[in-house]
Amino acid sequence: MMTKTILRALLFLAVPLLMFSNNAQAQKMGQHLHGKVSYYANKFNGRKTASGERFSNKKLTCAHRTFAFGTQLKVTNKATGQSVIVRVNDRGPYAKGRVVDLSRKAMEEIGGIKTGVIDATVEVVGLAGGAAESRPIVAPEATAAPKSAPNKPLNASVKTIQQPALIHTFELNVQPATLSSGFVIQCGNYQSTDFLLQKLATIPPLGKQQVQVIRAGGQTQYRLLIGEFSSRKQAEKALTEVKKSFSTAFVIAIQKLKA
């Protein structure tokens, strides 16, 4: 009888745990999602999000049903090819077929305001708390034994120390630069410096490689630029090669980057 009672109790505890594990979604750098993307109405400004943060349509944030708060996602509008990097700070959307809800500011940056709902690709480009992995190292922390019992074994408590694991090593030659005139190819905007460095290593040799640091929506972003062409026609010709590594790359006039 006692055995049956214990089994029932264990089953009762296990069911919610199984439900939780089925609903949880693993995430990793480079993971891709495809689906519909919408954006928040202004009536949500100032309201508390699921993370406890106050929502603002002027920031580059988004809602996802399961990704950890702080995860950075690159959202690309399939119709325009424009991309934006946003941070998860809320839960949703719950409409069928939708993968994220963007702030209005983010939707504006990828040209989706008029449409309202767009087809998009979503890529994980930054993990909550940083992309670096860590491994635990167990170190004993001993306490002295009482003098009255010299032969008694020392009491030891186990302490877990988080030590960063090496992910990448890059060789850099960084110096200040100025944009003059003409056209460049913009490969993308990034908030994760780790992801930016990985992308820098894949740039085709087509002239200058520059990173422009900007401030948008209260967040620092890094524009990855290639070349410096005197005409749009020259830039468009080089764009074909760039798109092999950066599918959403596009040509932009340098004058627009100075604004």
Protein backbone atom coordinates (compact mmCIF):
# COMPACT_ATOMS: atom_id res chain seq x y z
CA MET A 1 0.00 0.00 0.00
CA MET A 2 2.81 2.36 0.96
CA THR A 3 4.61 1.59 -2.33
CA LYS A 4 1.51 2.50 -4.39
CA THR A 5 1.12 5.78 -2.50
CA ILE A 6 4.76 6.74 -3.19
CA LEU A 7 4.42 5.85 -6.89
CA ARG A 8 1.31 8.02 -7.22
CA ALA A 9 3.14 10.96 -5.57
CA LEU A 10 6.12 10.60 -7.92
CA LEU A 11 3.83 10.45 -10.95
CA PHE A 12 1.98 13.57 -9.76
CA LEU A 13 5.28 15.47 -9.52
CA ALA A 14 6.65 14.15 -12.82
CA VAL A 15 3.71 15.20 -15.05
CA PRO A 16 4.19 18.99 -14.76
CA LEU A 17 7.93 18.53 -15.25
CA LEU A 18 7.34 16.61 -18.48
CA MET A 19 4.90 19.25 -19.68
CA PHE A 20 7.45 21.96 -19.00
CA SER A 21 10.25 20.15 -20.84
CA ASN A 22 7.99 19.64 -23.90
CA ASN A 23 7.15 23.35 -24.03
CA ALA A 24 10.75 24.53 -23.57
CA GLN A 25 12.66 25.30 -26.77
CA ALA A 26 16.41 24.90 -26.98
CA GLN A 27 18.32 27.77 -28.57
CA LYS A 28 21.80 28.09 -29.97
CA MET A 29 23.82 30.54 -32.01
CA GLY A 30 22.83 30.48 -35.67
CA GLN A 31 19.46 28.81 -35.07
CA HIS A 32 16.92 29.87 -37.73
CA LEU A 33 13.14 30.31 -37.62
CA HIS A 34 10.78 31.20 -40.47
CA GLY A 35 7.29 32.65 -40.24
CA LYS A 36 5.07 35.69 -39.85
CA VAL A 37 6.25 38.72 -37.86
CA SER A 38 4.01 41.50 -36.53
CA TYR A 39 4.57 44.53 -34.29
CA TYR A 40 3.22 46.13 -31.11
CA ALA A 41 0.50 48.79 -31.14
CA ASN A 42 1.29 52.05 -29.34
CA LYS A 43 -1.22 51.23 -26.60
CA PHE A 44 1.37 48.85 -25.09
CA ASN A 45 3.87 51.67 -24.41
CA GLY A 46 4.75 51.83 -20.72
CA ARG A 47 3.21 48.48 -19.85
CA LYS A 48 5.25 45.85 -18.05
CA THR A 49 6.57 43.05 -20.24
CA ALA A 50 6.89 39.45 -19.07
CA SER A 51 10.53 40.20 -18.14
CA GLY A 52 9.42 43.04 -15.84
CA GLU A 53 10.87 45.69 -18.16
CA ARG A 54 8.63 48.56 -19.29
CA PHE A 55 7.77 48.26 -22.97
CA SER A 56 8.77 51.04 -25.38
CA ASN A 57 8.00 51.15 -29.10
CA LYS A 58 11.14 53.28 -29.51
CA LYS A 59 13.50 50.47 -28.51
CA LEU A 60 14.72 47.51 -30.56
CA THR A 61 13.01 44.71 -28.65
CA CYS A 62 10.69 41.78 -29.38
CA ALA A 63 8.53 39.05 -27.91
CA HIS A 64 9.13 35.32 -28.34
CA ARG A 65 7.21 32.47 -26.77
CA THR A 66 10.15 30.54 -25.27
CA PHE A 67 13.57 32.14 -25.90
CA ALA A 68 15.33 33.40 -22.77
CA PHE A 69 15.03 37.11 -22.01
CA GLY A 70 18.09 38.91 -23.38
CA THR A 71 18.49 36.63 -26.41
CA GLN A 72 19.42 38.67 -29.50
CA LEU A 73 17.64 37.87 -32.74
CA LYS A 74 18.35 39.05 -36.29
CA VAL A 75 15.04 39.54 -38.09
CA THR A 76 15.14 39.81 -41.90
CA ASN A 77 12.16 40.97 -43.96
CA LYS A 78 12.02 38.55 -46.90
CA ALA A 79 10.31 41.14 -49.12
CA THR A 80 12.88 43.93 -48.66
CA GLY A 81 16.01 42.06 -47.55
CA GLN A 82 16.40 44.53 -44.67
CA SER A 83 17.51 43.25 -41.27
CA VAL A 84 17.43 44.44 -37.67
CA ILE A 85 18.79 42.96 -34.44
CA VAL A 86 16.41 42.93 -31.47
CA ARG A 87 16.47 41.74 -27.87
CA VAL A 88 13.84 39.38 -26.39
CA ASN A 89 12.12 40.99 -23.38
CA ASP A 90 8.52 39.72 -23.60
CA ARG A 91 6.42 36.63 -24.31
CA GLY A 92 4.30 36.09 -27.43
CA PRO A 93 3.02 36.23 -30.10
CA TYR A 94 0.22 33.71 -29.70
CA ALA A 95 -1.43 34.08 -33.11
CA LYS A 96 -0.99 30.97 -35.28
CA GLY A 97 2.03 31.05 -37.59
CA ARG A 98 3.70 34.07 -35.99
CA VAL A 99 7.22 33.70 -34.62
CA VAL A 100 7.98 37.11 -33.03
CA ASP A 101 6.32 40.44 -32.26
CA LEU A 102 8.62 43.42 -32.93
CA SER A 103 8.61 46.90 -31.46
CA ARG A 104 7.42 49.55 -33.93
CA LYS A 105 10.98 50.95 -34.14
CA ALA A 106 12.32 47.54 -35.23
CA MET A 107 9.55 47.04 -37.80
CA GLU A 108 10.25 50.49 -39.27
CA GLU A 109 13.92 49.56 -39.78
CA ILE A 110 13.01 46.59 -41.98
CA GLY A 111 10.22 48.32 -43.92
CA GLY A 112 7.23 46.42 -42.55
CA ILE A 113 5.00 49.11 -41.04
CA LYS A 114 2.65 49.50 -44.02
CA THR A 115 2.15 45.75 -44.40
CA GLY A 116 1.70 45.18 -40.66
CA VAL A 117 2.51 41.48 -40.86
CA ILE A 118 5.53 40.28 -42.87
CA ASP A 119 7.23 37.03 -43.85
CA ALA A 120 10.61 36.95 -42.13
CA THR A 121 13.63 34.88 -41.23
CA VAL A 122 14.72 34.99 -37.58
CA GLU A 123 18.26 34.02 -36.56
CA VAL A 124 19.74 33.72 -33.06
CA VAL A 125 22.84 35.97 -33.03
CA GLY A 126 23.35 36.44 -29.28
CA LEU A 127 22.51 34.31 -26.24
CA ALA A 128 21.15 35.64 -22.96
CA GLY A 129 24.02 36.71 -20.73
CA GLY A 130 26.51 36.63 -23.63
CA ALA A 131 27.42 34.03 -26.21
CA ALA A 132 30.44 32.68 -24.30
CA GLU A 133 30.23 29.15 -23.03
CA SER A 134 31.57 28.17 -19.64
CA ARG A 135 32.58 24.97 -17.94
CA PRO A 136 32.51 24.27 -14.18
CA ILE A 137 35.73 23.51 -12.30
CA VAL A 138 35.31 21.86 -8.92
CA ALA A 139 37.69 23.09 -6.25
CA PRO A 140 37.76 21.95 -2.61
CA GLU A 141 37.43 24.61 0.06
CA ALA A 142 38.78 22.99 3.24
CA THR A 143 38.08 24.04 6.83
CA ALA A 144 40.53 23.28 9.67
CA ALA A 145 39.77 20.35 11.97
CA PRO A 146 39.38 20.99 15.74
CA LYS A 147 42.60 20.66 17.77
CA SER A 148 40.97 18.08 20.02
CA ALA A 149 40.62 15.65 17.11
CA PRO A 150 43.87 15.81 15.11
CA ASN A 151 43.21 12.52 13.27
CA LYS A 152 39.69 13.47 12.16
CA PRO A 153 39.36 14.02 8.36
CA LEU A 154 38.98 17.64 7.25
CA ASN A 155 35.49 18.82 6.36
CA ALA A 156 35.40 20.01 2.74
CA SER A 157 32.72 21.94 0.87
CA VAL A 158 32.56 21.84 -2.92
CA LYS A 159 32.45 25.19 -4.72
CA THR A 160 31.71 25.53 -8.44
CA ILE A 161 33.87 28.12 -10.20
CA GLN A 162 32.77 29.31 -13.64
CA GLN A 163 35.74 29.68 -15.97
CA PRO A 164 35.26 31.11 -19.50
CA ALA A 165 36.01 28.71 -22.34
CA LEU A 166 37.92 29.92 -25.40
CA ILE A 167 35.61 30.31 -28.40
CA HIS A 168 37.54 32.22 -31.09
CA THR A 169 40.81 34.08 -31.63
CA PHE A 170 41.00 36.87 -34.23
CA GLU A 171 43.87 38.95 -35.59
CA LEU A 172 42.88 42.60 -36.00
CA ASN A 173 44.42 45.75 -37.44
CA VAL A 174 42.02 48.46 -36.29
CA GLN A 175 42.42 52.17 -37.05
CA PRO A 176 40.01 55.14 -37.29
CA ALA A 177 38.52 55.69 -40.75
CA THR A 178 36.37 58.26 -42.52
CA LEU A 179 33.81 57.68 -45.26
CA SER A 180 34.30 60.04 -48.21
CA SER A 181 31.78 59.70 -51.05
CA GLY A 182 30.31 57.17 -53.44
CA PHE A 183 28.80 53.83 -52.47
CA VAL A 184 29.51 50.88 -50.17
CA ILE A 185 27.98 47.44 -49.62
CA GLN A 186 26.35 47.04 -46.21
CA CYS A 187 26.52 43.40 -45.09
CA GLY A 188 24.41 43.88 -41.98
CA ASN A 189 23.89 45.47 -38.57
CA TYR A 190 25.08 43.57 -35.48
CA GLN A 191 24.76 44.04 -31.72
CA SER A 192 26.85 41.01 -30.80
CA THR A 193 30.58 41.75 -31.20
CA ASP A 194 31.32 38.02 -31.16
CA PHE A 195 29.01 37.50 -34.14
CA LEU A 196 30.47 40.58 -35.87
CA LEU A 197 34.01 39.20 -35.61
CA GLN A 198 32.91 35.86 -37.01
CA LYS A 199 31.34 37.65 -39.99
CA LEU A 200 34.46 39.77 -40.54
CA ALA A 201 36.42 36.58 -41.06
CA THR A 202 34.17 35.61 -44.01
CA ILE A 203 34.27 38.88 -45.99
CA PRO A 204 35.38 38.45 -49.63
CA PRO A 205 38.45 40.53 -50.68
CA LEU A 206 36.65 43.37 -52.45
CA GLY A 207 38.41 46.42 -51.07
CA LYS A 208 38.02 48.24 -47.77
CA GLN A 209 36.44 46.46 -44.83
CA GLN A 210 34.98 48.90 -42.33
CA VAL A 211 32.83 48.80 -39.21
CA GLN A 212 30.69 51.84 -38.44
CA VAL A 213 29.56 52.11 -34.80
CA ILE A 214 26.12 53.68 -34.40
CA ARG A 215 23.56 54.25 -31.64
CA ALA A 216 19.96 53.29 -32.46
CA GLY A 217 17.01 52.73 -30.15
CA GLY A 218 19.26 53.20 -27.11
CA GLN A 219 21.51 50.32 -28.23
CA THR A 220 24.97 50.22 -29.82
CA GLN A 221 25.09 48.57 -33.24
CA TYR A 222 27.89 47.78 -35.67
CA ARG A 223 27.46 48.26 -39.42
CA LEU A 224 29.68 45.98 -41.47
CA LEU A 225 30.68 47.70 -44.73
CA ILE A 226 32.68 46.52 -47.76
CA GLY A 227 34.40 48.53 -50.47
CA GLU A 228 34.20 52.16 -51.53
CA PHE A 229 32.85 52.45 -55.08
CA SER A 230 32.60 55.60 -57.20
CA SER A 231 29.34 54.47 -58.85
CA ARG A 232 26.31 52.39 -57.90
CA LYS A 233 26.90 50.23 -60.99
CA GLN A 234 30.34 49.18 -59.71
CA ALA A 235 28.91 48.42 -56.28
CA GLU A 236 26.03 46.36 -57.71
CA LYS A 237 28.53 44.28 -59.70
CA ALA A 238 30.51 43.46 -56.53
CA LEU A 239 27.27 42.80 -54.60
CA THR A 240 26.75 39.52 -56.48
CA GLU A 241 29.91 38.10 -54.92
CA VAL A 242 29.14 39.49 -51.45
CA LYS A 243 25.69 37.89 -51.39
CA LYS A 244 27.33 34.45 -51.46
CA SER A 245 28.38 35.10 -47.84
CA PHE A 246 25.83 37.76 -46.83
CA SER A 247 22.45 37.00 -48.40
CA THR A 248 20.81 40.22 -47.13
CA ALA A 249 23.65 42.60 -48.17
CA PHE A 250 22.72 45.71 -50.17
CA VAL A 251 24.28 48.79 -51.79
CA ILE A 252 23.93 52.12 -49.99
CA ALA A 253 25.17 55.64 -50.72
CA ILE A 254 27.88 56.77 -48.28
CA GLN A 255 26.04 60.09 -47.86
CA LYS A 256 23.17 58.24 -46.18
CA LEU A 257 25.55 56.65 -43.67
CA LYS A 258 26.78 60.08 -42.60
CA ALA A 259 23.31 61.25 -41.57
